[in-house]
Amino acid sequence: MAEAVVTVTRKGQATIPKKMRERHGIGRKALVEDTEEGVLLKPLPSPSMEKGSLRSAFKGKSSKEVMGDVRRAESTREKGLLEGGGDR
Protein backbone atom coordinates (compact mmCIF):
# COMPACT_ATOMS: atom_id res chain seq x y z
CA MET A 1 0.00 0.00 0.00
CA ALA A 2 1.37 3.40 -0.98
CA GLU A 3 1.67 6.26 1.48
CA ALA A 4 2.35 9.95 1.01
CA VAL A 5 2.65 12.97 3.27
CA VAL A 6 0.54 15.89 2.08
CA THR A 7 0.08 19.42 3.36
CA VAL A 8 -3.32 20.43 4.70
CA THR A 9 -4.20 24.11 4.21
CA ARG A 10 -5.93 26.31 6.79
CA LYS A 11 -9.15 25.65 4.88
CA GLY A 12 -8.70 21.90 5.34
CA GLN A 13 -7.72 21.24 1.73
CA ALA A 14 -5.16 18.58 0.81
CA THR A 15 -3.86 17.52 -2.58
CA ILE A 16 -4.10 13.82 -3.41
CA PRO A 17 -0.92 12.80 -5.26
CA LYS A 18 -1.45 12.35 -9.01
CA LYS A 19 -0.41 8.69 -9.11
CA MET A 20 -2.94 7.84 -6.40
CA ARG A 21 -5.74 9.79 -8.14
CA GLU A 22 -5.02 7.99 -11.40
CA ARG A 23 -4.71 4.56 -9.78
CA HIS A 24 -8.05 4.89 -8.00
CA GLY A 25 -9.94 6.83 -10.67
CA ILE A 26 -10.51 9.93 -8.57
CA GLY A 27 -11.64 12.86 -10.70
CA ARG A 28 -12.86 16.29 -9.64
CA LYS A 29 -14.93 14.90 -6.75
CA ALA A 30 -14.45 12.10 -4.23
CA LEU A 31 -16.48 10.49 -1.48
CA VAL A 32 -15.05 11.22 2.00
CA GLU A 33 -15.72 8.69 4.76
CA ASP A 34 -14.98 9.09 8.47
CA THR A 35 -13.67 5.73 9.72
CA GLU A 36 -12.18 4.46 12.98
CA GLU A 37 -8.72 4.57 11.35
CA GLY A 38 -9.12 8.07 9.94
CA VAL A 39 -10.39 9.76 6.79
CA LEU A 40 -10.96 7.54 3.75
CA LEU A 41 -11.30 8.98 0.24
CA LYS A 42 -13.09 6.93 -2.41
CA PRO A 43 -13.81 7.63 -6.07
CA LEU A 44 -17.44 8.42 -6.83
CA PRO A 45 -19.12 5.58 -8.69
CA SER A 46 -20.04 6.47 -12.26
CA PRO A 47 -23.77 6.36 -13.04
CA SER A 48 -23.10 3.78 -15.77
CA MET A 49 -21.65 1.43 -13.14
CA GLU A 50 -24.62 1.77 -10.80
CA LYS A 51 -26.97 -1.17 -10.67
CA GLY A 52 -29.96 0.63 -9.19
CA SER A 53 -33.59 -0.07 -9.94
CA LEU A 54 -33.77 2.57 -12.70
CA ARG A 55 -30.73 1.40 -14.64
CA SER A 56 -32.81 -0.66 -17.08
CA ALA A 57 -35.03 2.37 -17.76
CA PHE A 58 -32.08 4.29 -19.20
CA LYS A 59 -30.99 1.50 -21.59
CA GLY A 60 -27.55 2.99 -22.18
CA LYS A 61 -28.86 6.54 -22.66
CA SER A 62 -27.56 9.63 -20.93
CA SER A 63 -29.88 11.54 -18.59
CA LYS A 64 -30.05 14.29 -21.22
CA GLU A 65 -31.29 11.80 -23.84
CA VAL A 66 -33.87 10.35 -21.44
CA MET A 67 -35.16 13.84 -20.57
CA GLY A 68 -35.39 14.68 -24.28
CA ASP A 69 -37.49 11.55 -24.88
CA VAL A 70 -39.79 12.43 -21.98
CA ARG A 71 -40.19 16.03 -23.14
CA ARG A 72 -41.02 14.93 -26.70
CA ALA A 73 -43.64 12.47 -25.42
CA GLU A 74 -45.15 15.12 -23.14
CA SER A 75 -45.23 17.65 -25.97
CA THR A 76 -47.00 15.15 -28.24
CA ARG A 77 -49.56 14.42 -25.50
CA GLU A 78 -50.19 18.14 -24.89
CA LYS A 79 -50.69 18.78 -28.62
CA GLY A 80 -53.28 16.00 -28.69
CA LEU A 81 -55.12 17.55 -25.75
CA LEU A 82 -55.08 21.01 -27.34
CA GLU A 83 -56.48 19.61 -30.59
CA GLY A 84 -59.36 18.05 -28.68
CA GLY A 85 -58.11 14.52 -28.99
CA GLY A 86 -58.46 13.79 -25.29
CA ASP A 87 -55.90 11.99 -23.19
CA ARG A 88 -53.89 9.57 -25.31
PDB file of N, CA and C in Angstrom:
ATOM      1  N   MET A   1       0.844  -1.171   0.000  1.00  0.00           N
ATOM      2  CA  MET A   1       0.000   0.000   0.000  1.00  0.00           C
ATOM      3  C   MET A   1       0.894   1.240   0.000  1.00  0.00           C
ATOM      4  N   ALA A   2       0.574   2.180  -0.861  1.00  0.00           N
ATOM      5  CA  ALA A   2       1.374   3.401  -0.977  1.00  0.00           C
ATOM      6  C   ALA A   2       0.969   4.410   0.095  1.00  0.00           C
ATOM      7  N   GLU A   3       1.915   5.189   0.517  1.00  0.00           N
ATOM      8  CA  GLU A   3       1.670   6.262   1.477  1.00  0.00           C
ATOM      9  C   GLU A   3       2.312   7.533   0.964  1.00  0.00           C
ATOM     10  N   ALA A   4       1.773   8.658   1.380  1.00  0.00           N
ATOM     11  CA  ALA A   4       2.351   9.949   1.012  1.00  0.00           C
ATOM     12  C   ALA A   4       2.013  10.946   2.105  1.00  0.00           C
ATOM     13  N   VAL A   5       2.908  11.879   2.340  1.00  0.00           N
ATOM     14  CA  VAL A   5       2.653  12.967   3.272  1.00  0.00           C
ATOM     15  C   VAL A   5       2.205  14.151   2.431  1.00  0.00           C
ATOM     16  N   VAL A   6       1.060  14.735   2.806  1.00  0.00           N
ATOM     17  CA  VAL A   6       0.544  15.891   2.080  1.00  0.00           C
ATOM     18  C   VAL A   6       0.332  17.033   3.060  1.00  0.00           C
ATOM     19  N   THR A   7       0.323  18.236   2.554  1.00  0.00           N
ATOM     20  CA  THR A   7       0.083  19.421   3.363  1.00  0.00           C
ATOM     21  C   THR A   7      -1.407  19.699   3.388  1.00  0.00           C
ATOM     22  N   VAL A   8      -1.917  20.055   4.558  1.00  0.00           N
ATOM     23  CA  VAL A   8      -3.322  20.432   4.699  1.00  0.00           C
ATOM     24  C   VAL A   8      -3.361  21.934   4.925  1.00  0.00           C
ATOM     25  N   THR A   9      -4.121  22.652   4.092  1.00  0.00           N
ATOM     26  CA  THR A   9      -4.200  24.109   4.206  1.00  0.00           C
ATOM     27  C   THR A   9      -5.068  24.513   5.398  1.00  0.00           C
ATOM     28  N   ARG A  10      -5.077  25.799   5.695  1.00  0.00           N
ATOM     29  CA  ARG A  10      -5.927  26.311   6.786  1.00  0.00           C
ATOM     30  C   ARG A  10      -7.395  26.042   6.514  1.00  0.00           C
ATOM     31  N   LYS A  11      -7.760  25.935   5.253  1.00  0.00           N
ATOM     32  CA  LYS A  11      -9.148  25.653   4.876  1.00  0.00           C
ATOM     33  C   LYS A  11      -9.459  24.162   4.905  1.00  0.00           C
ATOM     34  N   GLY A  12      -8.482  23.339   5.260  1.00  0.00           N
ATOM     35  CA  GLY A  12      -8.700  21.901   5.338  1.00  0.00           C
ATOM     36  C   GLY A  12      -8.528  21.179   4.015  1.00  0.00           C
ATOM     37  N   GLN A  13      -7.921  21.844   3.045  1.00  0.00           N
ATOM     38  CA  GLN A  13      -7.721  21.237   1.729  1.00  0.00           C
ATOM     39  C   GLN A  13      -6.385  20.528   1.657  1.00  0.00           C
ATOM     40  N   ALA A  14      -6.387  19.345   1.027  1.00  0.00           N
ATOM     41  CA  ALA A  14      -5.164  18.579   0.810  1.00  0.00           C
ATOM     42  C   ALA A  14      -5.157  18.102  -0.628  1.00  0.00           C
ATOM     43  N   THR A  15      -3.983  18.000  -1.210  1.00  0.00           N
ATOM     44  CA  THR A  15      -3.857  17.516  -2.580  1.00  0.00           C
ATOM     45  C   THR A  15      -3.548  16.026  -2.563  1.00  0.00           C
ATOM     46  N   ILE A  16      -4.347  15.256  -3.285  1.00  0.00           N
ATOM     47  CA  ILE A  16      -4.102  13.820  -3.411  1.00  0.00           C
ATOM     48  C   ILE A  16      -3.048  13.661  -4.506  1.00  0.00           C
ATOM     49  N   PRO A  17      -1.956  12.960  -4.241  1.00  0.00           N
ATOM     50  CA  PRO A  17      -0.921  12.803  -5.264  1.00  0.00           C
ATOM     51  C   PRO A  17      -1.484  12.214  -6.570  1.00  0.00           C
ATOM     52  N   LYS A  18      -0.961  12.706  -7.685  1.00  0.00           N
ATOM     53  CA  LYS A  18      -1.453  12.350  -9.011  1.00  0.00           C
ATOM     54  C   LYS A  18      -1.494  10.844  -9.242  1.00  0.00           C
ATOM     55  N   LYS A  19      -0.440  10.136  -8.885  1.00  0.00           N
ATOM     56  CA  LYS A  19      -0.410   8.690  -9.113  1.00  0.00           C
ATOM     57  C   LYS A  19      -1.538   7.983  -8.372  1.00  0.00           C
ATOM     58  N   MET A  20      -1.851   8.443  -7.168  1.00  0.00           N
ATOM     59  CA  MET A  20      -2.944   7.840  -6.401  1.00  0.00           C
ATOM     60  C   MET A  20      -4.298   8.162  -7.022  1.00  0.00           C
ATOM     61  N   ARG A  21      -4.472   9.425  -7.475  1.00  0.00           N
ATOM     62  CA  ARG A  21      -5.739   9.793  -8.141  1.00  0.00           C
ATOM     63  C   ARG A  21      -5.954   8.941  -9.379  1.00  0.00           C
ATOM     64  N   GLU A  22      -4.906   8.780 -10.168  1.00  0.00           N
ATOM     65  CA  GLU A  22      -5.016   7.989 -11.398  1.00  0.00           C
ATOM     66  C   GLU A  22      -5.283   6.515 -11.088  1.00  0.00           C
ATOM     67  N   ARG A  23      -4.572   5.979 -10.127  1.00  0.00           N
ATOM     68  CA  ARG A  23      -4.715   4.560  -9.778  1.00  0.00           C
ATOM     69  C   ARG A  23      -6.129   4.227  -9.310  1.00  0.00           C
ATOM     70  N   HIS A  24      -6.737   5.150  -8.574  1.00  0.00           N
ATOM     71  CA  HIS A  24      -8.051   4.889  -8.001  1.00  0.00           C
ATOM     72  C   HIS A  24      -9.199   5.554  -8.753  1.00  0.00           C
ATOM     73  N   GLY A  25      -8.888   6.225  -9.856  1.00  0.00           N
ATOM     74  CA  GLY A  25      -9.941   6.834 -10.674  1.00  0.00           C
ATOM     75  C   GLY A  25     -10.648   7.999 -10.007  1.00  0.00           C
ATOM     76  N   ILE A  26      -9.912   8.768  -9.230  1.00  0.00           N
ATOM     77  CA  ILE A  26     -10.510   9.930  -8.567  1.00  0.00           C
ATOM     78  C   ILE A  26     -10.414  11.121  -9.501  1.00  0.00           C
ATOM     79  N   GLY A  27     -11.577  11.700  -9.809  1.00  0.00           N
ATOM     80  CA  GLY A  27     -11.639  12.860 -10.700  1.00  0.00           C
ATOM     81  C   GLY A  27     -11.763  14.142  -9.898  1.00  0.00           C
ATOM     82  N   ARG A  28     -12.708  14.986 -10.294  1.00  0.00           N
ATOM     83  CA  ARG A  28     -12.864  16.287  -9.641  1.00  0.00           C
ATOM     84  C   ARG A  28     -13.564  16.189  -8.294  1.00  0.00           C
ATOM     85  N   LYS A  29     -14.250  15.072  -8.029  1.00  0.00           N
ATOM     86  CA  LYS A  29     -14.930  14.901  -6.747  1.00  0.00           C
ATOM     87  C   LYS A  29     -14.626  13.510  -6.198  1.00  0.00           C
ATOM     88  N   ALA A  30     -14.686  13.379  -4.880  1.00  0.00           N
ATOM     89  CA  ALA A  30     -14.451  12.096  -4.235  1.00  0.00           C
ATOM     90  C   ALA A  30     -15.390  11.975  -3.039  1.00  0.00           C
ATOM     91  N   LEU A  31     -15.673  10.763  -2.665  1.00  0.00           N
ATOM     92  CA  LEU A  31     -16.483  10.487  -1.482  1.00  0.00           C
ATOM     93  C   LEU A  31     -15.543  10.450  -0.280  1.00  0.00           C
ATOM     94  N   VAL A  32     -15.874  11.175   0.790  1.00  0.00           N
ATOM     95  CA  VAL A  32     -15.053  11.219   2.002  1.00  0.00           C
ATOM     96  C   VAL A  32     -15.798  10.476   3.103  1.00  0.00           C
ATOM     97  N   GLU A  33     -15.125   9.491   3.697  1.00  0.00           N
ATOM     98  CA  GLU A  33     -15.720   8.693   4.764  1.00  0.00           C
ATOM     99  C   GLU A  33     -14.923   8.855   6.042  1.00  0.00           C
ATOM    100  N   ASP A  34     -15.611   9.017   7.153  1.00  0.00           N
ATOM    101  CA  ASP A  34     -14.976   9.095   8.467  1.00  0.00           C
ATOM    102  C   ASP A  34     -14.957   7.682   9.034  1.00  0.00           C
ATOM    103  N   THR A  35     -13.786   7.093   9.212  1.00  0.00           N
ATOM    104  CA  THR A  35     -13.670   5.729   9.722  1.00  0.00           C
ATOM    105  C   THR A  35     -12.942   5.736  11.060  1.00  0.00           C
ATOM    106  N   GLU A  36     -12.900   4.579  11.713  1.00  0.00           N
ATOM    107  CA  GLU A  36     -12.176   4.458  12.982  1.00  0.00           C
ATOM    108  C   GLU A  36     -10.685   4.725  12.795  1.00  0.00           C
ATOM    109  N   GLU A  37     -10.151   4.382  11.625  1.00  0.00           N
ATOM    110  CA  GLU A  37      -8.722   4.565  11.351  1.00  0.00           C
ATOM    111  C   GLU A  37      -8.378   5.975  10.907  1.00  0.00           C
ATOM    112  N   GLY A  38      -9.369   6.726  10.430  1.00  0.00           N
ATOM    113  CA  GLY A  38      -9.121   8.073   9.938  1.00  0.00           C
ATOM    114  C   GLY A  38     -10.037   8.398   8.772  1.00  0.00           C
ATOM    115  N   VAL A  39      -9.603   9.321   7.946  1.00  0.00           N
ATOM    116  CA  VAL A  39     -10.388   9.757   6.795  1.00  0.00           C
ATOM    117  C   VAL A  39     -10.070   8.859   5.608  1.00  0.00           C
ATOM    118  N   LEU A  40     -11.113   8.401   4.919  1.00  0.00           N
ATOM    119  CA  LEU A  40     -10.956   7.545   3.752  1.00  0.00           C
ATOM    120  C   LEU A  40     -11.570   8.238   2.555  1.00  0.00           C
ATOM    121  N   LEU A  41     -10.798   8.385   1.480  1.00  0.00           N
ATOM    122  CA  LEU A  41     -11.297   8.977   0.238  1.00  0.00           C
ATOM    123  C   LEU A  41     -11.573   7.860  -0.754  1.00  0.00           C
ATOM    124  N   LYS A  42     -12.733   7.932  -1.410  1.00  0.00           N
ATOM    125  CA  LYS A  42     -13.093   6.933  -2.412  1.00  0.00           C
ATOM    126  C   LYS A  42     -13.545   7.642  -3.681  1.00  0.00           C
ATOM    127  N   PRO A  43     -13.290   7.029  -4.846  1.00  0.00           N
ATOM    128  CA  PRO A  43     -13.808   7.627  -6.075  1.00  0.00           C
ATOM    129  C   PRO A  43     -15.327   7.518  -6.082  1.00  0.00           C
ATOM    130  N   LEU A  44     -15.989   8.497  -6.687  1.00  0.00           N
ATOM    131  CA  LEU A  44     -17.436   8.422  -6.827  1.00  0.00           C
ATOM    132  C   LEU A  44     -17.762   7.387  -7.891  1.00  0.00           C
ATOM    133  N   PRO A  45     -18.754   6.549  -7.656  1.00  0.00           N
ATOM    134  CA  PRO A  45     -19.118   5.580  -8.695  1.00  0.00           C
ATOM    135  C   PRO A  45     -19.728   6.310  -9.887  1.00  0.00           C
ATOM    136  N   SER A  46     -19.440   5.838 -11.087  1.00  0.00           N
ATOM    137  CA  SER A  46     -20.036   6.474 -12.264  1.00  0.00           C
ATOM    138  C   SER A  46     -21.459   5.960 -12.404  1.00  0.00           C
ATOM    139  N   PRO A  47     -22.380   6.796 -12.880  1.00  0.00           N
ATOM    140  CA  PRO A  47     -23.767   6.363 -13.039  1.00  0.00           C
ATOM    141  C   PRO A  47     -23.902   5.120 -13.911  1.00  0.00           C
ATOM    142  N   SER A  48     -23.014   4.954 -14.893  1.00  0.00           N
ATOM    143  CA  SER A  48     -23.101   3.783 -15.769  1.00  0.00           C
ATOM    144  C   SER A  48     -22.748   2.497 -15.037  1.00  0.00           C
ATOM    145  N   MET A  49     -22.020   2.607 -13.912  1.00  0.00           N
ATOM    146  CA  MET A  49     -21.651   1.428 -13.139  1.00  0.00           C
ATOM    147  C   MET A  49     -22.696   1.084 -12.080  1.00  0.00           C
ATOM    148  N   GLU A  50     -23.597   2.009 -11.810  1.00  0.00           N
ATOM    149  CA  GLU A  50     -24.621   1.773 -10.799  1.00  0.00           C
ATOM    150  C   GLU A  50     -25.573   0.682 -11.271  1.00  0.00           C
ATOM    151  N   LYS A  51     -26.056  -0.088 -10.344  1.00  0.00           N
ATOM    152  CA  LYS A  51     -26.965  -1.166 -10.672  1.00  0.00           C
ATOM    153  C   LYS A  51     -28.300  -0.961  -9.961  1.00  0.00           C
ATOM    154  N   GLY A  52     -28.722   0.297  -9.877  1.00  0.00           N
ATOM    155  CA  GLY A  52     -29.959   0.635  -9.190  1.00  0.00           C
ATOM    156  C   GLY A  52     -31.196   0.202  -9.964  1.00  0.00           C
ATOM    157  N   SER A  53     -32.346   0.392  -9.365  1.00  0.00           N
ATOM    158  CA  SER A  53     -33.594  -0.074  -9.942  1.00  0.00           C
ATOM    159  C   SER A  53     -33.968   0.643 -11.232  1.00  0.00           C
ATOM    160  N   LEU A  54     -33.428   1.831 -11.481  1.00  0.00           N
ATOM    161  CA  LEU A  54     -33.773   2.569 -12.698  1.00  0.00           C
ATOM    162  C   LEU A  54     -32.795   2.344 -13.844  1.00  0.00           C
ATOM    163  N   ARG A  55     -31.752   1.579 -13.613  1.00  0.00           N
ATOM    164  CA  ARG A  55     -30.729   1.404 -14.640  1.00  0.00           C
ATOM    165  C   ARG A  55     -31.317   0.876 -15.950  1.00  0.00           C
ATOM    166  N   SER A  56     -32.224  -0.085 -15.861  1.00  0.00           N
ATOM    167  CA  SER A  56     -32.811  -0.661 -17.080  1.00  0.00           C
ATOM    168  C   SER A  56     -33.671   0.355 -17.824  1.00  0.00           C
ATOM    169  N   ALA A  57     -34.202   1.354 -17.115  1.00  0.00           N
ATOM    170  CA  ALA A  57     -35.028   2.370 -17.761  1.00  0.00           C
ATOM    171  C   ALA A  57     -34.204   3.256 -18.690  1.00  0.00           C
ATOM    172  N   PHE A  58     -32.930   3.420 -18.386  1.00  0.00           N
ATOM    173  CA  PHE A  58     -32.080   4.287 -19.202  1.00  0.00           C
ATOM    174  C   PHE A  58     -31.560   3.588 -20.442  1.00  0.00           C
ATOM    175  N   LYS A  59     -31.404   2.302 -20.432  1.00  0.00           N
ATOM    176  CA  LYS A  59     -30.992   1.503 -21.590  1.00  0.00           C
ATOM    177  C   LYS A  59     -29.793   2.104 -22.316  1.00  0.00           C
ATOM    178  N   GLY A  60     -28.762   2.468 -21.568  1.00  0.00           N
ATOM    179  CA  GLY A  60     -27.545   2.994 -22.181  1.00  0.00           C
ATOM    180  C   GLY A  60     -27.620   4.446 -22.609  1.00  0.00           C
ATOM    181  N   LYS A  61     -28.703   5.135 -22.284  1.00  0.00           N
ATOM    182  CA  LYS A  61     -28.857   6.542 -22.664  1.00  0.00           C
ATOM    183  C   LYS A  61     -28.352   7.441 -21.546  1.00  0.00           C
ATOM    184  N   SER A  62     -27.940   8.636 -21.925  1.00  0.00           N
ATOM    185  CA  SER A  62     -27.562   9.625 -20.927  1.00  0.00           C
ATOM    186  C   SER A  62     -28.836  10.229 -20.340  1.00  0.00           C
ATOM    187  N   SER A  63     -28.711  10.898 -19.197  1.00  0.00           N
ATOM    188  CA  SER A  63     -29.880  11.537 -18.592  1.00  0.00           C
ATOM    189  C   SER A  63     -30.450  12.608 -19.518  1.00  0.00           C
ATOM    190  N   LYS A  64     -29.594  13.265 -20.282  1.00  0.00           N
ATOM    191  CA  LYS A  64     -30.050  14.288 -21.223  1.00  0.00           C
ATOM    192  C   LYS A  64     -30.915  13.661 -22.320  1.00  0.00           C
ATOM    193  N   GLU A  65     -30.510  12.495 -22.818  1.00  0.00           N
ATOM    194  CA  GLU A  65     -31.291  11.802 -23.839  1.00  0.00           C
ATOM    195  C   GLU A  65     -32.635  11.329 -23.284  1.00  0.00           C
ATOM    196  N   VAL A  66     -32.628  10.807 -22.063  1.00  0.00           N
ATOM    197  CA  VAL A  66     -33.870  10.350 -21.436  1.00  0.00           C
ATOM    198  C   VAL A  66     -34.825  11.525 -21.257  1.00  0.00           C
ATOM    199  N   MET A  67     -34.312  12.662 -20.763  1.00  0.00           N
ATOM    200  CA  MET A  67     -35.158  13.841 -20.570  1.00  0.00           C
ATOM    201  C   MET A  67     -35.714  14.339 -21.906  1.00  0.00           C
ATOM    202  N   GLY A  68     -34.910  14.277 -22.950  1.00  0.00           N
ATOM    203  CA  GLY A  68     -35.388  14.677 -24.278  1.00  0.00           C
ATOM    204  C   GLY A  68     -36.535  13.792 -24.728  1.00  0.00           C
ATOM    205  N   ASP A  69     -36.418  12.481 -24.519  1.00  0.00           N
ATOM    206  CA  ASP A  69     -37.495  11.546 -24.876  1.00  0.00           C
ATOM    207  C   ASP A  69     -38.769  11.872 -24.111  1.00  0.00           C
ATOM    208  N   VAL A  70     -38.635  12.128 -22.813  1.00  0.00           N
ATOM    209  CA  VAL A  70     -39.795  12.433 -21.976  1.00  0.00           C
ATOM    210  C   VAL A  70     -40.447  13.738 -22.419  1.00  0.00           C
ATOM    211  N   ARG A  71     -39.629  14.735 -22.708  1.00  0.00           N
ATOM    212  CA  ARG A  71     -40.186  16.027 -23.140  1.00  0.00           C
ATOM    213  C   ARG A  71     -40.905  15.916 -24.474  1.00  0.00           C
ATOM    214  N   ARG A  72     -40.356  15.122 -25.406  1.00  0.00           N
ATOM    215  CA  ARG A  72     -41.021  14.927 -26.697  1.00  0.00           C
ATOM    216  C   ARG A  72     -42.364  14.219 -26.514  1.00  0.00           C
ATOM    217  N   ALA A  73     -42.394  13.201 -25.677  1.00  0.00           N
ATOM    218  CA  ALA A  73     -43.639  12.468 -25.422  1.00  0.00           C
ATOM    219  C   ALA A  73     -44.666  13.383 -24.763  1.00  0.00           C
ATOM    220  N   GLU A  74     -44.241  14.193 -23.822  1.00  0.00           N
ATOM    221  CA  GLU A  74     -45.149  15.124 -23.142  1.00  0.00           C
ATOM    222  C   GLU A  74     -45.678  16.167 -24.113  1.00  0.00           C
ATOM    223  N   SER A  75     -44.819  16.663 -24.986  1.00  0.00           N
ATOM    224  CA  SER A  75     -45.229  17.647 -25.974  1.00  0.00           C
ATOM    225  C   SER A  75     -46.273  17.059 -26.929  1.00  0.00           C
ATOM    226  N   THR A  76     -46.054  15.829 -27.348  1.00  0.00           N
ATOM    227  CA  THR A  76     -47.004  15.152 -28.241  1.00  0.00           C
ATOM    228  C   THR A  76     -48.355  14.992 -27.534  1.00  0.00           C
ATOM    229  N   ARG A  77     -48.326  14.597 -26.261  1.00  0.00           N
ATOM    230  CA  ARG A  77     -49.565  14.416 -25.502  1.00  0.00           C
ATOM    231  C   ARG A  77     -50.304  15.741 -25.347  1.00  0.00           C
ATOM    232  N   GLU A  78     -49.563  16.825 -25.053  1.00  0.00           N
ATOM    233  CA  GLU A  78     -50.185  18.137 -24.894  1.00  0.00           C
ATOM    234  C   GLU A  78     -50.803  18.621 -26.198  1.00  0.00           C
ATOM    235  N   LYS A  79     -50.139  18.387 -27.315  1.00  0.00           N
ATOM    236  CA  LYS A  79     -50.691  18.785 -28.618  1.00  0.00           C
ATOM    237  C   LYS A  79     -52.007  18.062 -28.878  1.00  0.00           C
ATOM    238  N   GLY A  80     -52.041  16.773 -28.511  1.00  0.00           N
ATOM    239  CA  GLY A  80     -53.278  16.004 -28.687  1.00  0.00           C
ATOM    240  C   GLY A  80     -54.404  16.558 -27.836  1.00  0.00           C
ATOM    241  N   LEU A  81     -54.106  16.967 -26.632  1.00  0.00           N
ATOM    242  CA  LEU A  81     -55.125  17.546 -25.747  1.00  0.00           C
ATOM    243  C   LEU A  81     -55.627  18.877 -26.291  1.00  0.00           C
ATOM    244  N   LEU A  82     -54.704  19.693 -26.800  1.00  0.00           N
ATOM    245  CA  LEU A  82     -55.084  21.009 -27.336  1.00  0.00           C
ATOM    246  C   LEU A  82     -55.930  20.876 -28.593  1.00  0.00           C
ATOM    247  N   GLU A  83     -55.716  19.822 -29.358  1.00  0.00           N
ATOM    248  CA  GLU A  83     -56.479  19.609 -30.590  1.00  0.00           C
ATOM    249  C   GLU A  83     -57.805  18.916 -30.322  1.00  0.00           C
ATOM    250  N   GLY A  84     -58.088  18.661 -29.038  1.00  0.00           N
ATOM    251  CA  GLY A  84     -59.363  18.048 -28.680  1.00  0.00           C
ATOM    252  C   GLY A  84     -59.360  16.541 -28.785  1.00  0.00           C
ATOM    253  N   GLY A  85     -58.200  15.968 -28.848  1.00  0.00           N
ATOM    254  CA  GLY A  85     -58.113  14.521 -28.991  1.00  0.00           C
ATOM    255  C   GLY A  85     -58.237  13.763 -27.694  1.00  0.00           C
ATOM    256  N   GLY A  86     -58.358  14.465 -26.587  1.00  0.00           N
ATOM    257  CA  GLY A  86     -58.456  13.792 -25.293  1.00  0.00           C
ATOM    258  C   GLY A  86     -57.119  13.295 -24.831  1.00  0.00           C
ATOM    259  N   ASP A  87     -57.129  12.525 -23.770  1.00  0.00           N
ATOM    260  CA  ASP A  87     -55.898  11.985 -23.194  1.00  0.00           C
ATOM    261  C   ASP A  87     -55.503  10.729 -23.941  1.00  0.00           C
ATOM    262  N   ARG A  88     -54.315  10.729 -24.520  1.00  0.00           N
ATOM    263  CA  ARG A  88     -53.887   9.568 -25.314  1.00  0.00           C
ATOM    264  C   ARG A  88     -53.078   8.636 -24.508  1.00  0.00           C
TER     265      ARG A  88
END
